[in-house]
Amino acid sequence: MRTSQIKIKESELKAGLHKVIIEDIFSLKDENNNVVRLNGKLIIIVRFKNNKGFHEQGFIIDNGARQKYFNNILRCIRVNHTPLPKKEELLGKELFIAVREVHHVEDDKVVMHEGKPKIEYSLFRAFPDSLNAPKIKGDPQFNNGIPQEEFITYKNIAA
């Protein structure tokens, strides 16, 4: 298991649909190498990778509503989710992930970070590996590189 710097999401993959493999999975840890928990629940990070880069996504393991996103990943790669699978069962498995742009705003103002609009990338759907990539309305691949519909959202930090 590897240590992460309290960042739950990091991404080189931009908005769109990506065929990826699961490259790594690890518990979120702080700078002192202590496992980070949210209300007592484990947070795991899954690192997806393809030839364009990587995407890391955090999942809360709560045996409830929040864990359903992680369980969906497991269904897509055909791995039983009860009990939690071993890391070795997940590594190298292929699937498609849909990644969206999350633009940060404060009411009607764009939040800036280092002189640029603050944009994160977040996994919002997963699909089993197949010969044909799923088609999703708003995919930048079919919109001149511009994310639309589900591929773009706004997070109001003032709320």
C-alpha atoms as a PDB file:
ATOM      1  CA  MET A   1       0.000   0.000   0.000  1.00  0.00           C
ATOM      2  CA  ARG A   2       1.147   3.483  -0.867  1.00  0.00           C
ATOM      3  CA  THR A   3       0.766   6.817   0.912  1.00  0.00           C
ATOM      4  CA  SER A   4      -1.317   9.656  -0.523  1.00  0.00           C
ATOM      5  CA  GLN A   5      -1.246  13.314   0.458  1.00  0.00           C
ATOM      6  CA  ILE A   6      -4.903  13.706   1.592  1.00  0.00           C
ATOM      7  CA  LYS A   7      -5.869  14.261  -2.038  1.00  0.00           C
ATOM      8  CA  ILE A   8      -8.771  12.029  -2.888  1.00  0.00           C
ATOM      9  CA  LYS A   9      -8.801  12.810  -6.609  1.00  0.00           C
ATOM     10  CA  GLU A  10      -5.926  13.366  -8.988  1.00  0.00           C
ATOM     11  CA  SER A  11      -6.186  13.068 -12.732  1.00  0.00           C
ATOM     12  CA  GLU A  12      -4.222  13.369 -15.931  1.00  0.00           C
ATOM     13  CA  LEU A  13      -7.291  12.062 -17.787  1.00  0.00           C
ATOM     14  CA  LYS A  14      -9.635  14.861 -18.790  1.00  0.00           C
ATOM     15  CA  ALA A  15     -13.409  14.771 -19.280  1.00  0.00           C
ATOM     16  CA  GLY A  16     -14.521  11.901 -21.486  1.00  0.00           C
ATOM     17  CA  LEU A  17     -14.830   8.141 -21.701  1.00  0.00           C
ATOM     18  CA  HIS A  18     -11.593   6.226 -21.132  1.00  0.00           C
ATOM     19  CA  LYS A  19     -10.673   2.543 -21.404  1.00  0.00           C
ATOM     20  CA  VAL A  20      -8.396   1.899 -18.439  1.00  0.00           C
ATOM     21  CA  ILE A  21      -6.866  -0.761 -16.244  1.00  0.00           C
ATOM     22  CA  ILE A  22      -6.781  -0.732 -12.461  1.00  0.00           C
ATOM     23  CA  GLU A  23      -3.140  -0.005 -11.760  1.00  0.00           C
ATOM     24  CA  ASP A  24      -3.215   0.318  -7.980  1.00  0.00           C
ATOM     25  CA  ILE A  25      -5.491   0.415  -4.942  1.00  0.00           C
ATOM     26  CA  PHE A  26      -4.504   1.722  -1.525  1.00  0.00           C
ATOM     27  CA  SER A  27      -5.853   3.226   1.687  1.00  0.00           C
ATOM     28  CA  LEU A  28      -5.788   6.992   2.011  1.00  0.00           C
ATOM     29  CA  LYS A  29      -3.039   7.960   4.450  1.00  0.00           C
ATOM     30  CA  ASP A  30      -1.867  11.236   5.930  1.00  0.00           C
ATOM     31  CA  GLU A  31       1.660  12.637   5.855  1.00  0.00           C
ATOM     32  CA  ASN A  32       2.518  10.527   8.954  1.00  0.00           C
ATOM     33  CA  ASN A  33       1.455   7.327   7.161  1.00  0.00           C
ATOM     34  CA  ASN A  34      -1.685   6.939   9.308  1.00  0.00           C
ATOM     35  CA  VAL A  35      -4.810   5.579   7.633  1.00  0.00           C
ATOM     36  CA  VAL A  36      -7.348   8.378   7.151  1.00  0.00           C
ATOM     37  CA  ARG A  37     -10.971   7.613   8.011  1.00  0.00           C
ATOM     38  CA  LEU A  38     -14.136   9.624   7.489  1.00  0.00           C
ATOM     39  CA  ASN A  39     -16.522   9.170  10.407  1.00  0.00           C
ATOM     40  CA  GLY A  40     -14.730   5.902  11.140  1.00  0.00           C
ATOM     41  CA  LYS A  41     -15.075   4.634   7.548  1.00  0.00           C
ATOM     42  CA  LEU A  42     -12.093   3.565   5.448  1.00  0.00           C
ATOM     43  CA  ILE A  43     -11.272   5.584   2.333  1.00  0.00           C
ATOM     44  CA  ILE A  44      -9.619   3.685  -0.490  1.00  0.00           C
ATOM     45  CA  ILE A  45      -8.055   5.178  -3.589  1.00  0.00           C
ATOM     46  CA  VAL A  46      -8.223   3.369  -6.915  1.00  0.00           C
ATOM     47  CA  ARG A  47      -5.695   4.385  -9.570  1.00  0.00           C
ATOM     48  CA  PHE A  48      -6.920   3.832 -13.128  1.00  0.00           C
ATOM     49  CA  LYS A  49      -4.414   4.103 -15.994  1.00  0.00           C
ATOM     50  CA  ASN A  50      -4.198   4.069 -19.776  1.00  0.00           C
ATOM     51  CA  ASN A  51      -1.718   5.335 -22.372  1.00  0.00           C
ATOM     52  CA  LYS A  52      -2.984   8.942 -21.915  1.00  0.00           C
ATOM     53  CA  GLY A  53      -2.371   9.043 -18.162  1.00  0.00           C
ATOM     54  CA  PHE A  54      -4.033   8.153 -14.879  1.00  0.00           C
ATOM     55  CA  HIS A  55      -7.057   9.000 -12.767  1.00  0.00           C
ATOM     56  CA  GLU A  56      -7.227   8.450  -9.000  1.00  0.00           C
ATOM     57  CA  GLN A  57     -10.611   8.302  -7.303  1.00  0.00           C
ATOM     58  CA  GLY A  58     -11.428   7.940  -3.626  1.00  0.00           C
ATOM     59  CA  PHE A  59     -14.213   5.667  -2.397  1.00  0.00           C
ATOM     60  CA  ILE A  60     -15.673   5.557   1.105  1.00  0.00           C
ATOM     61  CA  ILE A  61     -16.115   1.993   2.323  1.00  0.00           C
ATOM     62  CA  ASP A  62     -19.240   2.225   4.477  1.00  0.00           C
ATOM     63  CA  ASN A  63     -21.205  -0.893   3.454  1.00  0.00           C
ATOM     64  CA  GLY A  64     -23.933   1.523   2.389  1.00  0.00           C
ATOM     65  CA  ALA A  65     -24.857   4.196  -0.127  1.00  0.00           C
ATOM     66  CA  ARG A  66     -21.361   5.636  -0.533  1.00  0.00           C
ATOM     67  CA  GLN A  67     -19.803   2.249  -1.196  1.00  0.00           C
ATOM     68  CA  LYS A  68     -22.183   1.597  -4.107  1.00  0.00           C
ATOM     69  CA  TYR A  69     -19.842   3.490  -6.452  1.00  0.00           C
ATOM     70  CA  PHE A  70     -16.946   1.215  -5.566  1.00  0.00           C
ATOM     71  CA  ASN A  71     -19.214  -1.837  -5.798  1.00  0.00           C
ATOM     72  CA  ASN A  72     -20.191  -0.753  -9.310  1.00  0.00           C
ATOM     73  CA  ILE A  73     -16.493  -0.771 -10.282  1.00  0.00           C
ATOM     74  CA  LEU A  74     -16.243  -4.301  -8.897  1.00  0.00           C
ATOM     75  CA  ARG A  75     -19.315  -5.408 -10.873  1.00  0.00           C
ATOM     76  CA  CYS A  76     -17.800  -3.991 -14.056  1.00  0.00           C
ATOM     77  CA  ILE A  77     -14.637  -6.060 -13.606  1.00  0.00           C
ATOM     78  CA  ARG A  78     -16.630  -9.102 -12.428  1.00  0.00           C
ATOM     79  CA  VAL A  79     -15.241  -9.304  -8.893  1.00  0.00           C
ATOM     80  CA  ASN A  80     -17.413 -10.146  -5.885  1.00  0.00           C
ATOM     81  CA  HIS A  81     -17.624  -7.231  -3.465  1.00  0.00           C
ATOM     82  CA  THR A  82     -18.410  -9.143  -0.276  1.00  0.00           C
ATOM     83  CA  PRO A  83     -16.147  -9.274   1.604  1.00  0.00           C
ATOM     84  CA  LEU A  84     -13.874  -6.602   0.146  1.00  0.00           C
ATOM     85  CA  PRO A  85     -11.645  -8.223  -2.469  1.00  0.00           C
ATOM     86  CA  LYS A  86      -7.905  -8.492  -2.153  1.00  0.00           C
ATOM     87  CA  LYS A  87      -5.800  -6.005  -4.083  1.00  0.00           C
ATOM     88  CA  GLU A  88      -4.431  -8.760  -6.327  1.00  0.00           C
ATOM     89  CA  GLU A  89      -7.962  -9.555  -7.573  1.00  0.00           C
ATOM     90  CA  LEU A  90      -8.318  -6.015  -8.954  1.00  0.00           C
ATOM     91  CA  LEU A  91      -4.950  -5.144 -10.453  1.00  0.00           C
ATOM     92  CA  GLY A  92      -4.787  -5.213 -14.247  1.00  0.00           C
ATOM     93  CA  LYS A  93      -8.564  -5.472 -14.736  1.00  0.00           C
ATOM     94  CA  GLU A  94      -9.939  -3.451 -17.682  1.00  0.00           C
ATOM     95  CA  LEU A  95     -13.047  -1.289 -17.805  1.00  0.00           C
ATOM     96  CA  PHE A  96     -14.369   1.976 -19.184  1.00  0.00           C
ATOM     97  CA  ILE A  97     -14.680   5.012 -16.930  1.00  0.00           C
ATOM     98  CA  ALA A  98     -16.527   8.240 -17.633  1.00  0.00           C
ATOM     99  CA  VAL A  99     -14.789  11.301 -16.182  1.00  0.00           C
ATOM    100  CA  ARG A 100     -16.419  14.724 -15.792  1.00  0.00           C
ATOM    101  CA  GLU A 101     -15.067  18.220 -15.297  1.00  0.00           C
ATOM    102  CA  VAL A 102     -16.050  19.752 -11.963  1.00  0.00           C
ATOM    103  CA  HIS A 103     -15.729  23.544 -12.126  1.00  0.00           C
ATOM    104  CA  HIS A 104     -15.483  25.308  -8.754  1.00  0.00           C
ATOM    105  CA  VAL A 105     -17.508  28.492  -8.378  1.00  0.00           C
ATOM    106  CA  GLU A 106     -18.420  30.755  -5.489  1.00  0.00           C
ATOM    107  CA  ASP A 107     -21.976  31.784  -6.292  1.00  0.00           C
ATOM    108  CA  ASP A 108     -21.539  33.480  -9.685  1.00  0.00           C
ATOM    109  CA  LYS A 109     -17.722  33.860  -9.582  1.00  0.00           C
ATOM    110  CA  VAL A 110     -15.226  31.351 -10.954  1.00  0.00           C
ATOM    111  CA  VAL A 111     -12.794  30.113  -8.267  1.00  0.00           C
ATOM    112  CA  MET A 112      -9.210  30.615  -9.387  1.00  0.00           C
ATOM    113  CA  HIS A 113      -6.187  28.530  -8.378  1.00  0.00           C
ATOM    114  CA  GLU A 114      -2.682  29.590  -9.446  1.00  0.00           C
ATOM    115  CA  GLY A 115      -4.156  31.961 -12.034  1.00  0.00           C
ATOM    116  CA  LYS A 116      -6.441  29.396 -13.665  1.00  0.00           C
ATOM    117  CA  PRO A 117     -10.042  28.315 -13.051  1.00  0.00           C
ATOM    118  CA  LYS A 118     -10.124  25.543 -10.435  1.00  0.00           C
ATOM    119  CA  ILE A 119     -11.271  22.369 -12.202  1.00  0.00           C
ATOM    120  CA  GLU A 120     -11.203  18.831 -10.790  1.00  0.00           C
ATOM    121  CA  TYR A 121     -11.952  15.617 -12.631  1.00  0.00           C
ATOM    122  CA  SER A 122     -14.266  13.031 -11.154  1.00  0.00           C
ATOM    123  CA  LEU A 123     -15.327   9.555 -12.201  1.00  0.00           C
ATOM    124  CA  PHE A 124     -19.117   9.441 -12.536  1.00  0.00           C
ATOM    125  CA  ARG A 125     -19.824   6.150 -14.322  1.00  0.00           C
ATOM    126  CA  ALA A 126     -18.111   2.868 -15.078  1.00  0.00           C
ATOM    127  CA  PHE A 127     -18.786   0.207 -17.678  1.00  0.00           C
ATOM    128  CA  PRO A 128     -17.486  -3.316 -18.241  1.00  0.00           C
ATOM    129  CA  ASP A 129     -14.771  -3.774 -20.838  1.00  0.00           C
ATOM    130  CA  SER A 130     -16.214  -4.698 -24.214  1.00  0.00           C
ATOM    131  CA  LEU A 131     -15.291  -4.443 -27.884  1.00  0.00           C
ATOM    132  CA  ASN A 132     -17.460  -1.358 -28.346  1.00  0.00           C
ATOM    133  CA  ALA A 133     -17.104   1.672 -26.127  1.00  0.00           C
ATOM    134  CA  PRO A 134     -20.402   2.887 -24.672  1.00  0.00           C
ATOM    135  CA  LYS A 135     -21.774   6.114 -26.116  1.00  0.00           C
ATOM    136  CA  ILE A 136     -22.838   8.777 -23.627  1.00  0.00           C
ATOM    137  CA  LYS A 137     -24.558  12.017 -24.551  1.00  0.00           C
ATOM    138  CA  GLY A 138     -22.260  14.975 -23.974  1.00  0.00           C
ATOM    139  CA  ASP A 139     -18.978  13.061 -24.461  1.00  0.00           C
ATOM    140  CA  PRO A 140     -16.340  15.609 -25.569  1.00  0.00           C
ATOM    141  CA  GLN A 141     -15.147  13.103 -28.184  1.00  0.00           C
ATOM    142  CA  PHE A 142     -18.359  13.767 -30.131  1.00  0.00           C
ATOM    143  CA  ASN A 143     -18.668  17.504 -29.307  1.00  0.00           C
ATOM    144  CA  ASN A 144     -15.486  19.052 -30.760  1.00  0.00           C
ATOM    145  CA  GLY A 145     -13.649  18.391 -27.478  1.00  0.00           C
ATOM    146  CA  ILE A 146     -16.198  20.283 -25.365  1.00  0.00           C
ATOM    147  CA  PRO A 147     -17.725  18.398 -22.413  1.00  0.00           C
ATOM    148  CA  GLN A 148     -21.499  18.718 -22.150  1.00  0.00           C
ATOM    149  CA  GLU A 149     -24.413  17.106 -20.280  1.00  0.00           C
ATOM    150  CA  GLU A 150     -23.070  14.668 -17.654  1.00  0.00           C
ATOM    151  CA  PHE A 151     -19.441  15.412 -18.555  1.00  0.00           C
ATOM    152  CA  ILE A 152     -19.449  18.839 -16.907  1.00  0.00           C
ATOM    153  CA  THR A 153     -20.774  20.113 -13.597  1.00  0.00           C
ATOM    154  CA  TYR A 154     -20.284  23.014 -11.191  1.00  0.00           C
ATOM    155  CA  LYS A 155     -19.528  22.883  -7.457  1.00  0.00           C
ATOM    156  CA  ASN A 156     -20.579  25.969  -5.526  1.00  0.00           C
ATOM    157  CA  ILE A 157     -18.161  26.285  -2.605  1.00  0.00           C
ATOM    158  CA  ALA A 158     -20.259  29.101  -1.088  1.00  0.00           C
ATOM    159  CA  ALA A 159     -23.154  26.742  -0.369  1.00  0.00           C
END
